[in-house]
N, C-alpha and C. Protein backbone atom coordinates (compact mmCIF):
# COMPACT_ATOMS: atom_id res chain seq x y z
N MET A 1 -89.33 12.98 19.92
CA MET A 1 -90.09 11.77 20.03
C MET A 1 -89.46 10.71 19.16
N GLN A 2 -89.07 9.59 19.73
CA GLN A 2 -88.47 8.50 18.97
C GLN A 2 -89.58 7.59 18.47
N ILE A 3 -89.44 7.12 17.24
CA ILE A 3 -90.45 6.25 16.66
C ILE A 3 -89.83 4.99 16.09
N HIS A 4 -90.64 4.05 15.78
CA HIS A 4 -90.24 2.75 15.26
C HIS A 4 -89.79 2.87 13.80
N PRO A 5 -88.90 1.99 13.34
CA PRO A 5 -88.45 2.05 11.94
C PRO A 5 -89.58 1.99 10.91
N LYS A 6 -90.75 1.49 11.27
CA LYS A 6 -91.88 1.45 10.33
C LYS A 6 -92.20 2.84 9.80
N ILE A 7 -91.87 3.86 10.57
CA ILE A 7 -92.16 5.23 10.14
C ILE A 7 -91.41 5.54 8.84
N ALA A 8 -90.37 4.78 8.55
CA ALA A 8 -89.62 4.99 7.31
C ALA A 8 -90.50 4.81 6.09
N GLU A 9 -91.64 4.14 6.25
CA GLU A 9 -92.55 3.96 5.12
C GLU A 9 -93.34 5.23 4.82
N THR A 10 -93.33 6.20 5.72
CA THR A 10 -94.01 7.47 5.47
C THR A 10 -93.05 8.39 4.73
N PRO A 11 -93.56 9.46 4.14
CA PRO A 11 -92.69 10.34 3.37
C PRO A 11 -91.56 10.93 4.22
N PRO A 12 -90.38 11.10 3.61
CA PRO A 12 -89.28 11.72 4.34
C PRO A 12 -89.56 13.22 4.54
N MET A 13 -88.66 13.90 5.19
CA MET A 13 -88.84 15.33 5.40
C MET A 13 -89.29 15.96 4.09
N SER A 14 -90.19 16.86 4.17
CA SER A 14 -91.07 17.22 3.08
C SER A 14 -90.57 18.27 2.10
N LEU A 15 -89.38 18.13 1.58
CA LEU A 15 -88.93 19.07 0.55
C LEU A 15 -89.10 18.46 -0.85
N GLU A 16 -89.84 17.38 -0.95
CA GLU A 16 -90.05 16.76 -2.24
C GLU A 16 -91.07 17.53 -3.06
N ARG A 17 -91.07 17.32 -4.36
CA ARG A 17 -91.96 18.05 -5.27
C ARG A 17 -93.44 17.84 -4.96
N SER A 18 -93.81 16.66 -4.51
CA SER A 18 -95.24 16.40 -4.26
C SER A 18 -95.79 17.31 -3.17
N SER A 19 -94.92 17.84 -2.32
CA SER A 19 -95.36 18.76 -1.27
C SER A 19 -95.85 20.08 -1.85
N ARG A 20 -95.47 20.37 -3.07
CA ARG A 20 -95.82 21.65 -3.68
C ARG A 20 -97.09 21.56 -4.53
N GLN A 21 -97.75 20.42 -4.51
CA GLN A 21 -98.98 20.25 -5.28
C GLN A 21 -100.18 20.67 -4.43
N PRO A 22 -101.21 21.21 -5.08
CA PRO A 22 -102.43 21.53 -4.32
C PRO A 22 -103.18 20.27 -3.94
N GLY A 23 -104.08 20.41 -3.02
CA GLY A 23 -104.86 19.27 -2.56
C GLY A 23 -104.07 18.45 -1.57
N GLY A 24 -104.60 17.33 -1.21
CA GLY A 24 -103.93 16.46 -0.27
C GLY A 24 -104.33 16.76 1.17
N PHE A 25 -103.63 16.11 2.09
CA PHE A 25 -103.97 16.17 3.50
C PHE A 25 -102.73 16.26 4.35
N GLN A 26 -102.91 16.70 5.57
CA GLN A 26 -101.82 16.77 6.55
C GLN A 26 -102.34 16.23 7.87
N VAL A 27 -101.42 15.86 8.75
CA VAL A 27 -101.78 15.34 10.07
C VAL A 27 -101.34 16.36 11.11
N ARG A 28 -102.28 16.73 11.99
CA ARG A 28 -101.98 17.69 13.06
C ARG A 28 -102.11 17.02 14.42
N HIS A 29 -101.12 17.27 15.26
CA HIS A 29 -101.18 16.86 16.67
C HIS A 29 -101.58 18.08 17.48
N ARG A 30 -102.47 17.89 18.42
CA ARG A 30 -103.01 19.01 19.20
C ARG A 30 -101.91 19.83 19.87
N SER A 31 -100.85 19.20 20.37
CA SER A 31 -99.78 19.93 21.06
C SER A 31 -98.55 20.17 20.20
N PHE A 32 -98.14 19.17 19.40
CA PHE A 32 -96.89 19.26 18.65
C PHE A 32 -97.00 20.11 17.39
N GLY A 33 -98.15 20.10 16.75
CA GLY A 33 -98.33 20.85 15.51
C GLY A 33 -98.57 19.92 14.33
N ILE A 34 -98.13 20.35 13.16
CA ILE A 34 -98.37 19.62 11.91
C ILE A 34 -97.18 18.73 11.60
N TYR A 35 -97.47 17.48 11.24
CA TYR A 35 -96.43 16.50 10.91
C TYR A 35 -95.63 16.97 9.71
N GLN A 36 -94.28 16.94 9.86
CA GLN A 36 -93.39 17.36 8.78
C GLN A 36 -92.75 16.19 8.06
N GLY A 37 -92.62 15.08 8.72
CA GLY A 37 -91.94 13.92 8.16
C GLY A 37 -91.07 13.31 9.23
N SER A 38 -90.21 12.42 8.81
CA SER A 38 -89.33 11.76 9.77
C SER A 38 -87.91 11.71 9.24
N ALA A 39 -87.00 11.70 10.16
CA ALA A 39 -85.58 11.57 9.84
C ALA A 39 -84.89 11.06 11.10
N ILE A 40 -83.84 10.32 10.92
CA ILE A 40 -83.07 9.75 12.03
C ILE A 40 -83.96 9.11 13.08
N ALA A 41 -84.98 8.37 12.63
CA ALA A 41 -85.94 7.65 13.48
C ALA A 41 -86.73 8.56 14.41
N LEU A 42 -86.88 9.82 14.03
CA LEU A 42 -87.66 10.76 14.82
C LEU A 42 -88.76 11.37 13.95
N ALA A 43 -89.90 11.65 14.57
CA ALA A 43 -90.96 12.36 13.88
C ALA A 43 -90.77 13.85 14.14
N PHE A 44 -90.97 14.67 13.12
CA PHE A 44 -90.83 16.11 13.26
C PHE A 44 -92.20 16.76 13.04
N TRP A 45 -92.49 17.77 13.86
CA TRP A 45 -93.78 18.47 13.84
C TRP A 45 -93.51 19.97 13.82
N HIS A 46 -94.31 20.71 13.06
CA HIS A 46 -94.18 22.17 13.04
C HIS A 46 -95.30 22.76 13.89
N PRO A 47 -95.01 23.60 14.86
CA PRO A 47 -93.76 24.32 15.10
C PRO A 47 -92.86 23.70 16.16
N SER A 48 -93.26 22.63 16.82
CA SER A 48 -92.48 22.14 17.97
C SER A 48 -91.09 21.65 17.60
N SER A 49 -90.85 21.24 16.36
CA SER A 49 -89.51 20.79 15.97
C SER A 49 -88.54 21.95 15.78
N THR A 50 -89.07 23.15 15.66
CA THR A 50 -88.29 24.36 15.37
C THR A 50 -87.43 24.20 14.11
N MET A 51 -87.97 23.51 13.13
CA MET A 51 -87.29 23.33 11.85
C MET A 51 -88.26 23.63 10.72
N PRO A 52 -88.73 24.88 10.63
CA PRO A 52 -89.76 25.21 9.63
C PRO A 52 -89.29 25.03 8.19
N GLU A 53 -87.99 25.07 7.96
CA GLU A 53 -87.47 25.02 6.59
C GLU A 53 -87.84 23.73 5.86
N TYR A 54 -88.27 22.70 6.58
CA TYR A 54 -88.65 21.45 5.93
C TYR A 54 -90.10 21.45 5.49
N GLY A 55 -90.84 22.47 5.84
CA GLY A 55 -92.23 22.55 5.39
C GLY A 55 -93.09 21.49 6.05
N LEU A 56 -94.18 21.17 5.38
CA LEU A 56 -95.17 20.25 5.92
C LEU A 56 -95.23 18.99 5.07
N CYS A 57 -95.62 17.90 5.68
CA CYS A 57 -95.75 16.64 4.95
C CYS A 57 -97.13 16.56 4.32
N ARG A 58 -97.17 16.33 3.02
CA ARG A 58 -98.43 16.24 2.29
C ARG A 58 -98.73 14.77 2.00
N PHE A 59 -99.93 14.34 2.36
CA PHE A 59 -100.40 13.01 2.04
C PHE A 59 -101.39 13.14 0.88
N SER A 60 -101.24 12.31 -0.13
CA SER A 60 -102.10 12.44 -1.31
C SER A 60 -103.54 12.00 -1.05
N THR A 61 -103.74 11.13 -0.05
CA THR A 61 -105.10 10.66 0.26
C THR A 61 -105.32 10.66 1.77
N LYS A 62 -106.59 10.69 2.16
CA LYS A 62 -106.92 10.59 3.59
C LYS A 62 -106.48 9.23 4.13
N GLU A 63 -106.55 8.20 3.30
CA GLU A 63 -106.16 6.86 3.73
C GLU A 63 -104.69 6.81 4.12
N LYS A 64 -103.84 7.49 3.37
CA LYS A 64 -102.41 7.51 3.70
C LYS A 64 -102.16 8.29 4.99
N ALA A 65 -102.87 9.39 5.17
CA ALA A 65 -102.75 10.15 6.42
C ALA A 65 -103.25 9.31 7.59
N GLN A 66 -104.34 8.59 7.38
CA GLN A 66 -104.88 7.73 8.44
C GLN A 66 -103.93 6.59 8.77
N ALA A 67 -103.22 6.08 7.77
CA ALA A 67 -102.24 5.02 8.02
C ALA A 67 -101.14 5.51 8.96
N LEU A 68 -100.72 6.76 8.80
CA LEU A 68 -99.72 7.31 9.72
C LEU A 68 -100.31 7.40 11.13
N ILE A 69 -101.53 7.90 11.24
CA ILE A 69 -102.17 8.00 12.55
C ILE A 69 -102.31 6.61 13.17
N ASP A 70 -102.72 5.64 12.37
CA ASP A 70 -102.86 4.27 12.88
C ASP A 70 -101.54 3.77 13.45
N PHE A 71 -100.45 4.04 12.73
CA PHE A 71 -99.15 3.61 13.22
C PHE A 71 -98.75 4.37 14.49
N LEU A 72 -98.90 5.70 14.47
CA LEU A 72 -98.47 6.51 15.61
C LEU A 72 -99.25 6.22 16.89
N THR A 73 -100.41 5.61 16.76
CA THR A 73 -101.21 5.28 17.93
C THR A 73 -101.17 3.80 18.28
N SER A 74 -100.35 3.05 17.56
CA SER A 74 -100.28 1.60 17.77
C SER A 74 -99.15 1.21 18.72
N SER A 75 -99.19 -0.02 19.16
CA SER A 75 -98.13 -0.52 20.03
C SER A 75 -96.82 -0.73 19.26
N ALA A 76 -96.86 -0.70 17.93
CA ALA A 76 -95.64 -0.82 17.13
C ALA A 76 -94.80 0.45 17.19
N CYS A 77 -95.41 1.56 17.57
CA CYS A 77 -94.70 2.84 17.70
C CYS A 77 -93.98 2.85 19.05
N ALA A 78 -92.73 3.28 19.07
CA ALA A 78 -91.94 3.30 20.30
C ALA A 78 -92.59 4.14 21.39
N GLU A 79 -93.22 5.24 21.01
CA GLU A 79 -93.92 6.11 21.96
C GLU A 79 -95.30 6.42 21.38
N PRO A 80 -96.25 5.49 21.54
CA PRO A 80 -97.57 5.69 20.94
C PRO A 80 -98.25 6.98 21.42
N LEU A 81 -98.94 7.62 20.50
CA LEU A 81 -99.67 8.85 20.79
C LEU A 81 -101.14 8.53 21.03
N ASP A 82 -101.85 9.46 21.64
CA ASP A 82 -103.28 9.33 21.87
C ASP A 82 -104.01 9.74 20.58
N ALA A 83 -104.85 8.86 20.08
CA ALA A 83 -105.57 9.13 18.82
C ALA A 83 -106.41 10.40 18.90
N GLU A 84 -106.88 10.75 20.08
CA GLU A 84 -107.69 11.95 20.22
C GLU A 84 -106.89 13.23 20.00
N ASP A 85 -105.57 13.13 20.05
CA ASP A 85 -104.71 14.29 19.83
C ASP A 85 -104.38 14.52 18.36
N LEU A 86 -104.76 13.59 17.50
CA LEU A 86 -104.39 13.65 16.09
C LEU A 86 -105.61 13.88 15.20
N ALA A 87 -105.42 14.68 14.16
CA ALA A 87 -106.51 14.97 13.23
C ALA A 87 -105.96 15.09 11.81
N ILE A 88 -106.79 14.72 10.86
CA ILE A 88 -106.46 14.88 9.44
C ILE A 88 -107.13 16.16 8.96
N GLU A 89 -106.35 17.00 8.26
CA GLU A 89 -106.85 18.27 7.74
C GLU A 89 -106.47 18.40 6.27
N PRO A 90 -107.12 19.30 5.55
CA PRO A 90 -106.67 19.60 4.18
C PRO A 90 -105.24 20.16 4.24
N PHE A 91 -104.42 19.78 3.27
CA PHE A 91 -103.04 20.26 3.23
C PHE A 91 -103.01 21.76 3.03
N ASP A 92 -102.21 22.44 3.82
CA ASP A 92 -102.09 23.91 3.76
C ASP A 92 -100.88 24.27 2.89
N LEU A 93 -101.11 24.31 1.59
CA LEU A 93 -100.04 24.61 0.64
C LEU A 93 -99.46 26.00 0.88
N ALA A 94 -100.30 26.97 1.19
CA ALA A 94 -99.81 28.34 1.43
C ALA A 94 -98.85 28.36 2.61
N GLU A 95 -99.18 27.67 3.68
CA GLU A 95 -98.29 27.62 4.85
C GLU A 95 -97.00 26.89 4.51
N HIS A 96 -97.10 25.79 3.77
CA HIS A 96 -95.90 25.05 3.35
C HIS A 96 -94.98 25.95 2.53
N GLU A 97 -95.55 26.69 1.59
CA GLU A 97 -94.73 27.58 0.75
C GLU A 97 -94.13 28.71 1.57
N ARG A 98 -94.87 29.23 2.53
CA ARG A 98 -94.34 30.29 3.40
C ARG A 98 -93.14 29.77 4.20
N LEU A 99 -93.25 28.57 4.71
CA LEU A 99 -92.18 28.00 5.53
C LEU A 99 -90.92 27.71 4.71
N THR A 100 -91.10 27.31 3.46
CA THR A 100 -89.96 26.90 2.65
C THR A 100 -89.45 27.99 1.71
N ALA A 101 -90.10 29.15 1.69
CA ALA A 101 -89.72 30.22 0.76
C ALA A 101 -88.32 30.75 1.02
N ASP A 102 -87.97 30.92 2.24
CA ASP A 102 -86.65 31.45 2.60
C ASP A 102 -86.11 30.59 3.74
N PRO A 103 -85.71 29.35 3.41
CA PRO A 103 -85.34 28.41 4.48
C PRO A 103 -84.14 28.87 5.30
N LEU A 104 -84.24 28.62 6.58
CA LEU A 104 -83.13 28.87 7.48
C LEU A 104 -82.21 27.67 7.42
N PRO A 105 -80.90 27.85 7.54
CA PRO A 105 -80.02 26.69 7.56
C PRO A 105 -80.24 25.89 8.84
N SER A 106 -80.23 24.59 8.71
CA SER A 106 -80.38 23.73 9.88
C SER A 106 -79.12 23.75 10.72
N ALA A 107 -79.23 23.38 11.97
CA ALA A 107 -78.10 23.41 12.89
C ALA A 107 -76.94 22.57 12.38
N TRP A 108 -77.22 21.40 11.79
CA TRP A 108 -76.13 20.56 11.33
C TRP A 108 -75.52 21.06 10.02
N GLU A 109 -76.09 22.08 9.40
CA GLU A 109 -75.53 22.65 8.18
C GLU A 109 -74.61 23.83 8.48
N GLN A 110 -74.54 24.23 9.73
CA GLN A 110 -73.71 25.38 10.12
C GLN A 110 -72.26 24.96 10.28
N PRO A 111 -71.33 25.73 9.74
CA PRO A 111 -69.91 25.39 9.95
C PRO A 111 -69.55 25.60 11.42
N ILE A 112 -68.65 24.80 11.88
CA ILE A 112 -68.22 24.88 13.29
C ILE A 112 -67.13 25.94 13.44
């Protein structure tokens, strides 16, 4: 899914230290899964991105998670999503830690 450069204002792929803190919130799409962050102007979702090693994106407040939903459902987004498909949930730190405990190398990290 390609998104607008405004998405750059949201957290990058979620290997930052704040992702390892308890509390917070995450955004779930009914079909794609849990928002992981963005890179190369694309939004990544677990499990549909098939890149679990990046873990999950943690938002410190519901307002910040809602701001992402507001953007993803707006006309400013290159491919707006249906708001009914998105939900804010408590951040699942245990799942984030499980995904990042033994990361798989990404495709672009593999030698040719």
